[in-house]
Amino acid sequence: MEDIKTASNTVYVDQTPPTLPTATPVADDYTTDQLVTLNSTDSGSGLAGIFYTTDGSDPTTSGTKISYPLDNSAPISVDKDMAIKAIAYDNAGNASDILEANYGIIISPMTMISLNLSNQGGLETFIRWISSCPSCTQAPQGSLEAEATFLRSITAAQGSLF
């Protein structure tokens, strides 16, 4: 009779997703362009990568990928208002929740570019500005030129605008 040998192995099935991706610097409004890096961790099978979009759509595995180990040598350039969405996958195929990081690049809502005083009694002043602030109500949205008329008592000889 032959000796029967038995063996047993424990198989670990990773069902835990990676952590929610984080963005650095944090999503906020800034007055200068930002370079954003993404990060996530996975304590099970290990992090496979992070996929992200910058057009507001949900990221999938066909989106832009940051491979693991995370290659943050080419961060995401934020030079305008932008919504970055990111999802992390581990080596077992588990997906994290989706990070949504909204960045705003604030440009001064009114940049004066010209001022013309009328010759009609000094009562009308035309101020022209460019607005790059989509949420501002002082001018039309998005880098459009606009004019406003202000009725003030202006004495051009005194050099006083208001």
N, C-alpha and C. Protein backbone atom coordinates (compact mmCIF):
# COMPACT_ATOMS: atom_id res chain seq x y z
N MET A 1 0.83 -1.16 0.00
CA MET A 1 0.00 0.00 0.00
C MET A 1 0.88 1.24 0.00
N GLU A 2 0.47 2.20 -0.80
CA GLU A 2 1.25 3.42 -0.92
C GLU A 2 0.95 4.38 0.23
N ASP A 3 1.98 5.14 0.56
CA ASP A 3 1.77 6.16 1.57
C ASP A 3 1.05 7.35 0.93
N ILE A 4 0.02 7.80 1.54
CA ILE A 4 -0.73 8.95 1.05
C ILE A 4 -0.28 10.17 1.83
N LYS A 5 0.14 11.16 1.05
CA LYS A 5 0.57 12.41 1.67
C LYS A 5 -0.45 13.49 1.37
N THR A 6 -0.69 14.31 2.30
CA THR A 6 -1.62 15.42 2.10
C THR A 6 -0.88 16.73 2.33
N ALA A 7 -1.35 17.71 1.67
CA ALA A 7 -0.79 19.05 1.83
C ALA A 7 -1.94 20.04 1.86
N SER A 8 -1.73 21.11 2.51
CA SER A 8 -2.76 22.16 2.52
C SER A 8 -2.08 23.52 2.33
N ASN A 9 -2.76 24.34 1.63
CA ASN A 9 -2.31 25.71 1.41
C ASN A 9 -3.42 26.66 1.78
N THR A 10 -3.05 27.78 2.32
CA THR A 10 -4.03 28.81 2.62
C THR A 10 -3.98 29.83 1.49
N VAL A 11 -5.12 30.10 0.92
CA VAL A 11 -5.20 31.07 -0.16
C VAL A 11 -5.83 32.34 0.40
N TYR A 12 -5.11 33.42 0.20
CA TYR A 12 -5.61 34.71 0.65
C TYR A 12 -6.27 35.40 -0.53
N VAL A 13 -7.51 35.81 -0.35
CA VAL A 13 -8.23 36.54 -1.39
C VAL A 13 -8.38 37.98 -0.92
N ASP A 14 -7.76 38.88 -1.68
CA ASP A 14 -7.79 40.30 -1.34
C ASP A 14 -9.11 40.89 -1.83
N GLN A 15 -9.95 41.29 -0.90
CA GLN A 15 -11.21 41.93 -1.25
C GLN A 15 -11.28 43.36 -0.71
N THR A 16 -10.15 43.85 -0.24
CA THR A 16 -10.11 45.19 0.33
C THR A 16 -9.57 46.17 -0.72
N PRO A 17 -10.32 47.21 -1.02
CA PRO A 17 -9.86 48.18 -2.03
C PRO A 17 -8.74 49.06 -1.48
N PRO A 18 -8.01 49.70 -2.37
CA PRO A 18 -7.02 50.69 -1.93
C PRO A 18 -7.70 51.87 -1.24
N THR A 19 -6.89 52.68 -0.59
CA THR A 19 -7.43 53.88 0.05
C THR A 19 -7.87 54.87 -1.02
N LEU A 20 -8.78 55.74 -0.64
CA LEU A 20 -9.22 56.82 -1.52
C LEU A 20 -7.99 57.63 -1.92
N PRO A 21 -7.77 57.89 -3.20
CA PRO A 21 -6.62 58.70 -3.59
C PRO A 21 -6.64 60.07 -2.91
N THR A 22 -5.47 60.61 -2.69
CA THR A 22 -5.33 61.95 -2.16
C THR A 22 -4.61 62.81 -3.19
N ALA A 23 -4.90 64.09 -3.17
CA ALA A 23 -4.26 65.04 -4.08
C ALA A 23 -3.47 66.04 -3.27
N THR A 24 -2.26 66.34 -3.75
CA THR A 24 -1.39 67.32 -3.10
C THR A 24 -0.91 68.31 -4.15
N PRO A 25 -1.12 69.61 -3.94
CA PRO A 25 -1.77 70.25 -2.81
C PRO A 25 -3.27 69.95 -2.81
N VAL A 26 -3.90 70.20 -1.67
CA VAL A 26 -5.32 69.93 -1.53
C VAL A 26 -6.14 70.78 -2.49
N ALA A 27 -7.28 70.27 -2.87
CA ALA A 27 -8.18 71.00 -3.77
C ALA A 27 -8.64 72.29 -3.09
N ASP A 28 -8.52 73.39 -3.82
CA ASP A 28 -8.88 74.69 -3.27
C ASP A 28 -8.79 75.71 -4.41
N ASP A 29 -8.99 76.97 -4.08
CA ASP A 29 -8.79 78.05 -5.02
C ASP A 29 -7.38 78.61 -4.80
N TYR A 30 -6.66 78.82 -5.89
CA TYR A 30 -5.29 79.33 -5.83
C TYR A 30 -5.16 80.53 -6.76
N THR A 31 -4.18 81.37 -6.48
CA THR A 31 -3.93 82.53 -7.34
C THR A 31 -2.80 82.27 -8.33
N THR A 32 -2.18 81.09 -8.26
CA THR A 32 -1.13 80.71 -9.20
C THR A 32 -1.39 79.28 -9.67
N ASP A 33 -0.79 78.90 -10.79
CA ASP A 33 -0.90 77.54 -11.30
C ASP A 33 -0.36 76.56 -10.27
N GLN A 34 -0.90 75.33 -10.29
CA GLN A 34 -0.49 74.31 -9.34
C GLN A 34 -0.02 73.06 -10.07
N LEU A 35 0.87 72.30 -9.44
CA LEU A 35 1.29 70.99 -9.91
C LEU A 35 0.77 69.98 -8.89
N VAL A 36 -0.16 69.13 -9.32
CA VAL A 36 -0.86 68.24 -8.40
C VAL A 36 -0.32 66.81 -8.55
N THR A 37 -0.03 66.19 -7.41
CA THR A 37 0.35 64.78 -7.40
C THR A 37 -0.75 63.98 -6.70
N LEU A 38 -0.90 62.73 -7.12
CA LEU A 38 -1.91 61.83 -6.55
C LEU A 38 -1.22 60.70 -5.82
N ASN A 39 -1.87 60.19 -4.77
CA ASN A 39 -1.31 59.09 -4.00
C ASN A 39 -2.42 58.22 -3.46
N SER A 40 -2.11 56.95 -3.22
CA SER A 40 -3.02 55.99 -2.60
C SER A 40 -2.15 54.87 -2.05
N THR A 41 -2.73 54.06 -1.17
CA THR A 41 -2.02 52.90 -0.64
C THR A 41 -2.93 51.69 -0.65
N ASP A 42 -2.32 50.51 -0.59
CA ASP A 42 -3.07 49.26 -0.50
C ASP A 42 -2.25 48.27 0.32
N SER A 43 -2.82 47.79 1.40
CA SER A 43 -2.09 46.89 2.29
C SER A 43 -2.30 45.42 1.92
N GLY A 44 -3.15 45.12 0.94
CA GLY A 44 -3.40 43.73 0.55
C GLY A 44 -2.46 43.29 -0.55
N SER A 45 -2.95 43.24 -1.75
CA SER A 45 -2.17 42.75 -2.90
C SER A 45 -1.22 43.80 -3.45
N GLY A 46 -1.32 45.02 -2.97
CA GLY A 46 -0.44 46.09 -3.45
C GLY A 46 -1.14 46.95 -4.47
N LEU A 47 -0.70 48.19 -4.56
CA LEU A 47 -1.30 49.16 -5.46
C LEU A 47 -0.82 48.92 -6.89
N ALA A 48 -1.76 48.81 -7.82
CA ALA A 48 -1.40 48.63 -9.24
C ALA A 48 -1.22 49.98 -9.92
N GLY A 49 -2.05 50.95 -9.57
CA GLY A 49 -1.94 52.27 -10.19
C GLY A 49 -3.15 53.13 -9.89
N ILE A 50 -3.04 54.39 -10.31
CA ILE A 50 -4.12 55.35 -10.15
C ILE A 50 -4.48 55.86 -11.54
N PHE A 51 -5.76 55.90 -11.84
CA PHE A 51 -6.25 56.43 -13.11
C PHE A 51 -6.97 57.74 -12.80
N TYR A 52 -6.82 58.73 -13.69
CA TYR A 52 -7.45 60.02 -13.41
C TYR A 52 -7.94 60.67 -14.70
N THR A 53 -8.87 61.61 -14.53
CA THR A 53 -9.35 62.45 -15.63
C THR A 53 -9.31 63.90 -15.16
N THR A 54 -9.30 64.81 -16.14
CA THR A 54 -9.33 66.24 -15.81
C THR A 54 -10.48 66.94 -16.52
N ASP A 55 -11.35 66.16 -17.14
CA ASP A 55 -12.47 66.75 -17.90
C ASP A 55 -13.80 66.59 -17.18
N GLY A 56 -13.77 66.15 -15.92
CA GLY A 56 -15.00 65.99 -15.16
C GLY A 56 -15.63 64.62 -15.27
N SER A 57 -15.16 63.78 -16.19
CA SER A 57 -15.73 62.44 -16.34
C SER A 57 -15.13 61.50 -15.29
N ASP A 58 -15.86 60.44 -14.98
CA ASP A 58 -15.36 59.45 -14.02
C ASP A 58 -14.20 58.67 -14.64
N PRO A 59 -13.14 58.46 -13.88
CA PRO A 59 -11.99 57.72 -14.42
C PRO A 59 -12.29 56.23 -14.54
N THR A 60 -11.70 55.61 -15.53
CA THR A 60 -11.78 54.16 -15.73
C THR A 60 -10.38 53.66 -16.02
N THR A 61 -10.25 52.39 -16.24
CA THR A 61 -8.93 51.83 -16.53
C THR A 61 -8.44 52.21 -17.92
N SER A 62 -9.28 52.90 -18.69
CA SER A 62 -8.82 53.37 -20.00
C SER A 62 -8.38 54.84 -19.94
N GLY A 63 -8.42 55.44 -18.74
CA GLY A 63 -8.02 56.83 -18.58
C GLY A 63 -6.51 56.97 -18.45
N THR A 64 -6.05 58.15 -18.06
CA THR A 64 -4.63 58.39 -17.85
C THR A 64 -4.20 57.65 -16.59
N LYS A 65 -3.11 56.92 -16.68
CA LYS A 65 -2.67 56.09 -15.55
C LYS A 65 -1.37 56.61 -14.97
N ILE A 66 -1.32 56.61 -13.65
CA ILE A 66 -0.07 56.81 -12.93
C ILE A 66 0.30 55.42 -12.41
N SER A 67 1.39 54.87 -12.88
CA SER A 67 1.78 53.50 -12.51
C SER A 67 2.39 53.46 -11.12
N TYR A 68 2.37 52.27 -10.54
CA TYR A 68 2.98 52.06 -9.23
C TYR A 68 4.33 51.38 -9.44
N PRO A 69 5.42 51.74 -8.81
CA PRO A 69 5.44 52.81 -7.83
C PRO A 69 5.07 54.14 -8.47
N LEU A 70 4.38 54.95 -7.72
CA LEU A 70 3.78 56.16 -8.27
C LEU A 70 4.82 57.07 -8.91
N ASP A 71 4.57 57.39 -10.16
CA ASP A 71 5.45 58.27 -10.91
C ASP A 71 4.93 59.69 -10.81
N ASN A 72 5.39 60.40 -9.80
CA ASN A 72 4.96 61.78 -9.61
C ASN A 72 5.97 62.76 -10.19
N SER A 73 6.83 62.25 -11.07
CA SER A 73 7.79 63.14 -11.72
C SER A 73 7.11 63.99 -12.78
N ALA A 74 5.91 63.60 -13.18
CA ALA A 74 5.13 64.38 -14.15
C ALA A 74 3.77 64.68 -13.52
N PRO A 75 3.73 65.64 -12.58
CA PRO A 75 2.45 65.94 -11.91
C PRO A 75 1.44 66.55 -12.88
N ILE A 76 0.21 66.61 -12.44
CA ILE A 76 -0.87 67.17 -13.24
C ILE A 76 -0.79 68.69 -13.15
N SER A 77 -0.70 69.34 -14.30
CA SER A 77 -0.60 70.79 -14.33
C SER A 77 -2.00 71.40 -14.28
N VAL A 78 -2.26 72.19 -13.25
CA VAL A 78 -3.54 72.88 -13.09
C VAL A 78 -3.29 74.36 -13.36
N ASP A 79 -3.68 74.80 -14.57
CA ASP A 79 -3.45 76.19 -14.95
C ASP A 79 -4.75 76.92 -15.24
N LYS A 80 -5.88 76.26 -14.91
CA LYS A 80 -7.22 76.84 -15.06
C LYS A 80 -8.13 76.08 -14.12
N ASP A 81 -9.37 76.53 -13.98
CA ASP A 81 -10.30 75.79 -13.14
C ASP A 81 -10.39 74.37 -13.67
N MET A 82 -10.27 73.39 -12.76
CA MET A 82 -10.20 72.00 -13.19
C MET A 82 -10.73 71.07 -12.12
N ALA A 83 -11.46 70.04 -12.55
CA ALA A 83 -11.91 68.97 -11.66
C ALA A 83 -11.10 67.73 -11.98
N ILE A 84 -10.30 67.31 -11.01
CA ILE A 84 -9.53 66.07 -11.17
C ILE A 84 -10.31 64.97 -10.46
N LYS A 85 -10.57 63.89 -11.19
CA LYS A 85 -11.20 62.72 -10.59
C LYS A 85 -10.20 61.57 -10.68
N ALA A 86 -10.04 60.82 -9.59
CA ALA A 86 -9.05 59.76 -9.56
C ALA A 86 -9.60 58.53 -8.86
N ILE A 87 -9.16 57.36 -9.34
CA ILE A 87 -9.52 56.09 -8.74
C ILE A 87 -8.27 55.22 -8.69
N ALA A 88 -8.10 54.48 -7.59
CA ALA A 88 -6.94 53.60 -7.43
C ALA A 88 -7.39 52.15 -7.56
N TYR A 89 -6.54 51.34 -8.18
CA TYR A 89 -6.78 49.90 -8.30
C TYR A 89 -5.62 49.16 -7.66
N ASP A 90 -5.95 48.03 -7.01
CA ASP A 90 -4.87 47.19 -6.49
C ASP A 90 -4.61 46.04 -7.46
N ASN A 91 -3.63 45.21 -7.15
CA ASN A 91 -3.25 44.12 -8.04
C ASN A 91 -4.30 43.02 -8.13
N ALA A 92 -5.27 43.02 -7.21
CA ALA A 92 -6.35 42.04 -7.26
C ALA A 92 -7.54 42.58 -8.07
N GLY A 93 -7.46 43.82 -8.51
CA GLY A 93 -8.54 44.42 -9.30
C GLY A 93 -9.56 45.18 -8.48
N ASN A 94 -9.35 45.30 -7.18
CA ASN A 94 -10.26 46.08 -6.35
C ASN A 94 -10.07 47.57 -6.63
N ALA A 95 -11.17 48.30 -6.66
CA ALA A 95 -11.14 49.73 -6.94
C ALA A 95 -11.50 50.53 -5.70
N SER A 96 -10.82 51.65 -5.53
CA SER A 96 -11.14 52.58 -4.44
C SER A 96 -12.39 53.37 -4.82
N ASP A 97 -12.83 54.19 -3.89
CA ASP A 97 -13.84 55.18 -4.23
C ASP A 97 -13.17 56.23 -5.12
N ILE A 98 -13.99 57.06 -5.76
CA ILE A 98 -13.46 58.08 -6.66
C ILE A 98 -13.23 59.39 -5.91
N LEU A 99 -12.02 59.89 -6.02
CA LEU A 99 -11.69 61.20 -5.48
C LEU A 99 -12.16 62.25 -6.48
N GLU A 100 -12.77 63.32 -6.00
CA GLU A 100 -13.07 64.47 -6.84
C GLU A 100 -12.43 65.69 -6.18
N ALA A 101 -11.46 66.25 -6.88
CA ALA A 101 -10.71 67.39 -6.36
C ALA A 101 -10.91 68.57 -7.30
N ASN A 102 -11.58 69.61 -6.82
CA ASN A 102 -11.89 70.78 -7.64
C ASN A 102 -10.91 71.91 -7.33
N TYR A 103 -10.19 72.33 -8.38
CA TYR A 103 -9.21 73.39 -8.26
C TYR A 103 -9.71 74.62 -8.99
N GLY A 104 -9.46 75.76 -8.41
CA GLY A 104 -9.79 77.03 -9.05
C GLY A 104 -8.54 77.87 -9.14
N ILE A 105 -8.32 78.46 -10.28
CA ILE A 105 -7.23 79.41 -10.44
C ILE A 105 -7.89 80.77 -10.56
N ILE A 106 -7.72 81.57 -9.53
CA ILE A 106 -8.39 82.86 -9.44
C ILE A 106 -7.50 83.94 -10.02
N ILE A 107 -8.03 84.61 -10.98
CA ILE A 107 -7.36 85.78 -11.54
C ILE A 107 -8.16 86.97 -11.06
N SER A 108 -7.50 88.03 -10.75
CA SER A 108 -8.18 89.22 -10.25
C SER A 108 -9.43 89.48 -11.08
N PRO A 109 -10.59 89.63 -10.44
CA PRO A 109 -11.83 89.78 -11.19
C PRO A 109 -11.87 91.00 -12.08
N MET A 110 -11.17 92.05 -11.73
CA MET A 110 -11.16 93.23 -12.58
C MET A 110 -9.74 93.74 -12.71
N THR A 111 -9.25 93.74 -13.92
CA THR A 111 -7.96 94.32 -14.21
C THR A 111 -8.23 95.50 -15.12
N MET A 112 -8.00 96.71 -14.62
CA MET A 112 -8.29 97.88 -15.43
C MET A 112 -7.30 97.95 -16.58
N ILE A 113 -7.83 98.15 -17.78
CA ILE A 113 -6.94 98.28 -18.92
C ILE A 113 -7.07 99.63 -19.61
N SER A 114 -8.15 100.35 -19.37
CA SER A 114 -8.23 101.70 -19.93
C SER A 114 -9.25 102.52 -19.16
N LEU A 115 -9.06 103.82 -19.19
CA LEU A 115 -9.97 104.74 -18.52
C LEU A 115 -10.10 105.97 -19.41
N ASN A 116 -11.33 106.30 -19.77
CA ASN A 116 -11.58 107.46 -20.63
C ASN A 116 -12.61 108.37 -19.96
N LEU A 117 -12.25 109.63 -19.78
CA LEU A 117 -13.19 110.60 -19.23
C LEU A 117 -13.89 111.30 -20.38
N SER A 118 -15.20 111.44 -20.27
CA SER A 118 -15.91 112.12 -21.34
C SER A 118 -15.79 113.62 -21.16
N ASN A 119 -16.01 114.36 -22.22
CA ASN A 119 -15.94 115.82 -22.18
C ASN A 119 -17.31 116.45 -21.95
N GLN A 120 -18.24 115.72 -21.44
CA GLN A 120 -19.60 116.22 -21.27
C GLN A 120 -19.85 116.56 -19.81
N GLY A 121 -19.14 117.52 -19.31
CA GLY A 121 -19.36 117.97 -17.93
C GLY A 121 -18.64 117.11 -16.91
N GLY A 122 -17.85 116.16 -17.31
CA GLY A 122 -17.12 115.32 -16.37
C GLY A 122 -18.00 114.41 -15.55
N LEU A 123 -19.17 114.04 -16.07
CA LEU A 123 -20.07 113.19 -15.30
C LEU A 123 -20.03 111.72 -15.69
N GLU A 124 -19.46 111.39 -16.82
CA GLU A 124 -19.41 109.98 -17.23
C GLU A 124 -17.97 109.51 -17.29
N THR A 125 -17.76 108.35 -16.76
CA THR A 125 -16.44 107.73 -16.82
C THR A 125 -16.63 106.33 -17.41
N PHE A 126 -15.85 106.01 -18.41
CA PHE A 126 -15.92 104.68 -18.99
C PHE A 126 -14.70 103.89 -18.52
N ILE A 127 -14.98 102.81 -17.86
CA ILE A 127 -13.90 101.95 -17.39
C ILE A 127 -14.04 100.62 -18.12
N ARG A 128 -12.97 100.17 -18.72
CA ARG A 128 -12.99 98.91 -19.45
C ARG A 128 -12.10 97.92 -18.70
N TRP A 129 -12.56 96.69 -18.56
CA TRP A 129 -11.78 95.69 -17.85
C TRP A 129 -11.92 94.35 -18.53
N ILE A 130 -11.05 93.45 -18.16
CA ILE A 130 -11.14 92.06 -18.61
C ILE A 130 -11.40 91.24 -17.38
N SER A 131 -12.40 90.36 -17.46
CA SER A 131 -12.71 89.49 -16.35
C SER A 131 -12.36 88.06 -16.72
N SER A 132 -11.63 87.40 -15.84
CA SER A 132 -11.31 85.99 -16.02
C SER A 132 -11.88 85.19 -14.86
N CYS A 133 -12.83 85.76 -14.20
CA CYS A 133 -13.42 85.13 -13.02
C CYS A 133 -14.84 84.69 -13.36
N PRO A 134 -15.06 83.39 -13.67
CA PRO A 134 -16.37 82.92 -14.09
C PRO A 134 -17.48 83.16 -13.06
N SER A 135 -17.12 83.22 -11.77
CA SER A 135 -18.16 83.39 -10.76
C SER A 135 -18.41 84.85 -10.40
N CYS A 136 -17.63 85.76 -10.97
CA CYS A 136 -17.81 87.18 -10.66
C CYS A 136 -18.99 87.75 -11.43
N THR A 137 -19.71 88.65 -10.80
CA THR A 137 -20.89 89.24 -11.44
C THR A 137 -20.61 90.61 -12.01
N GLN A 138 -19.40 91.13 -11.82
CA GLN A 138 -19.10 92.47 -12.30
C GLN A 138 -18.97 92.53 -13.81
N ALA A 139 -18.69 91.43 -14.47
CA ALA A 139 -18.45 91.43 -15.90
C ALA A 139 -18.92 90.10 -16.48
N PRO A 140 -19.12 90.05 -17.78
CA PRO A 140 -19.50 88.78 -18.40
C PRO A 140 -18.47 87.70 -18.12
N GLN A 141 -18.90 86.46 -18.24
CA GLN A 141 -18.08 85.32 -17.87
C GLN A 141 -16.95 85.07 -18.86
N GLY A 142 -15.78 84.75 -18.33
CA GLY A 142 -14.69 84.21 -19.08
C GLY A 142 -13.95 85.12 -20.03
N SER A 143 -12.97 85.82 -19.58
CA SER A 143 -12.05 86.61 -20.40
C SER A 143 -12.71 87.42 -21.51
N LEU A 144 -13.86 87.96 -21.25
CA LEU A 144 -14.54 88.82 -22.23
C LEU A 144 -14.32 90.27 -21.85
N GLU A 145 -14.25 91.12 -22.84
CA GLU A 145 -14.09 92.54 -22.58
C GLU A 145 -15.48 93.14 -22.32
N ALA A 146 -15.57 94.00 -21.37
CA ALA A 146 -16.86 94.60 -21.05
C ALA A 146 -16.66 96.07 -20.71
N GLU A 147 -17.74 96.83 -20.77
CA GLU A 147 -17.69 98.24 -20.40
C GLU A 147 -18.73 98.52 -19.33
N ALA A 148 -18.42 99.47 -18.49
CA ALA A 148 -19.38 99.91 -17.49
C ALA A 148 -19.35 101.43 -17.44
N THR A 149 -20.48 102.01 -17.23
CA THR A 149 -20.55 103.47 -17.12
C THR A 149 -20.88 103.81 -15.68
N PHE A 150 -20.05 104.66 -15.13
CA PHE A 150 -20.27 105.10 -13.77
C PHE A 150 -20.54 106.60 -13.79
N LEU A 151 -21.62 107.00 -13.16
CA LEU A 151 -21.92 108.42 -13.07
C LEU A 151 -21.34 108.94 -11.75
N ARG A 152 -20.37 109.78 -11.88
CA ARG A 152 -19.72 110.35 -10.72
C ARG A 152 -19.40 111.81 -11.04
N SER A 153 -19.23 112.58 -10.01
CA SER A 153 -18.71 113.93 -10.19
C SER A 153 -17.20 113.82 -10.24
N ILE A 154 -16.68 114.02 -11.41
CA ILE A 154 -15.25 113.87 -11.60
C ILE A 154 -14.68 115.19 -12.10
N THR A 155 -13.67 115.58 -11.47
CA THR A 155 -12.99 116.78 -11.92
C THR A 155 -11.64 116.35 -12.46
N ALA A 156 -11.54 116.30 -13.78
CA ALA A 156 -10.32 115.82 -14.41
C ALA A 156 -9.12 116.68 -14.03
N ALA A 157 -9.35 117.96 -13.84
CA ALA A 157 -8.24 118.86 -13.51
C ALA A 157 -7.64 118.54 -12.16
N GLN A 158 -8.47 118.03 -11.25
CA GLN A 158 -7.98 117.67 -9.92
C GLN A 158 -7.30 116.31 -9.91
N GLY A 159 -7.47 115.55 -11.00
CA GLY A 159 -6.86 114.23 -11.07
C GLY A 159 -7.58 113.22 -10.19
N SER A 160 -8.79 113.55 -9.78
CA SER A 160 -9.53 112.66 -8.91
C SER A 160 -10.56 111.89 -9.71
N LEU A 161 -10.63 110.59 -9.51
CA LEU A 161 -11.61 109.78 -10.22
C LEU A 161 -12.95 109.74 -9.49
N PHE A 162 -12.93 109.77 -8.20
CA PHE A 162 -14.19 109.63 -7.46
C PHE A 162 -14.31 110.74 -6.47
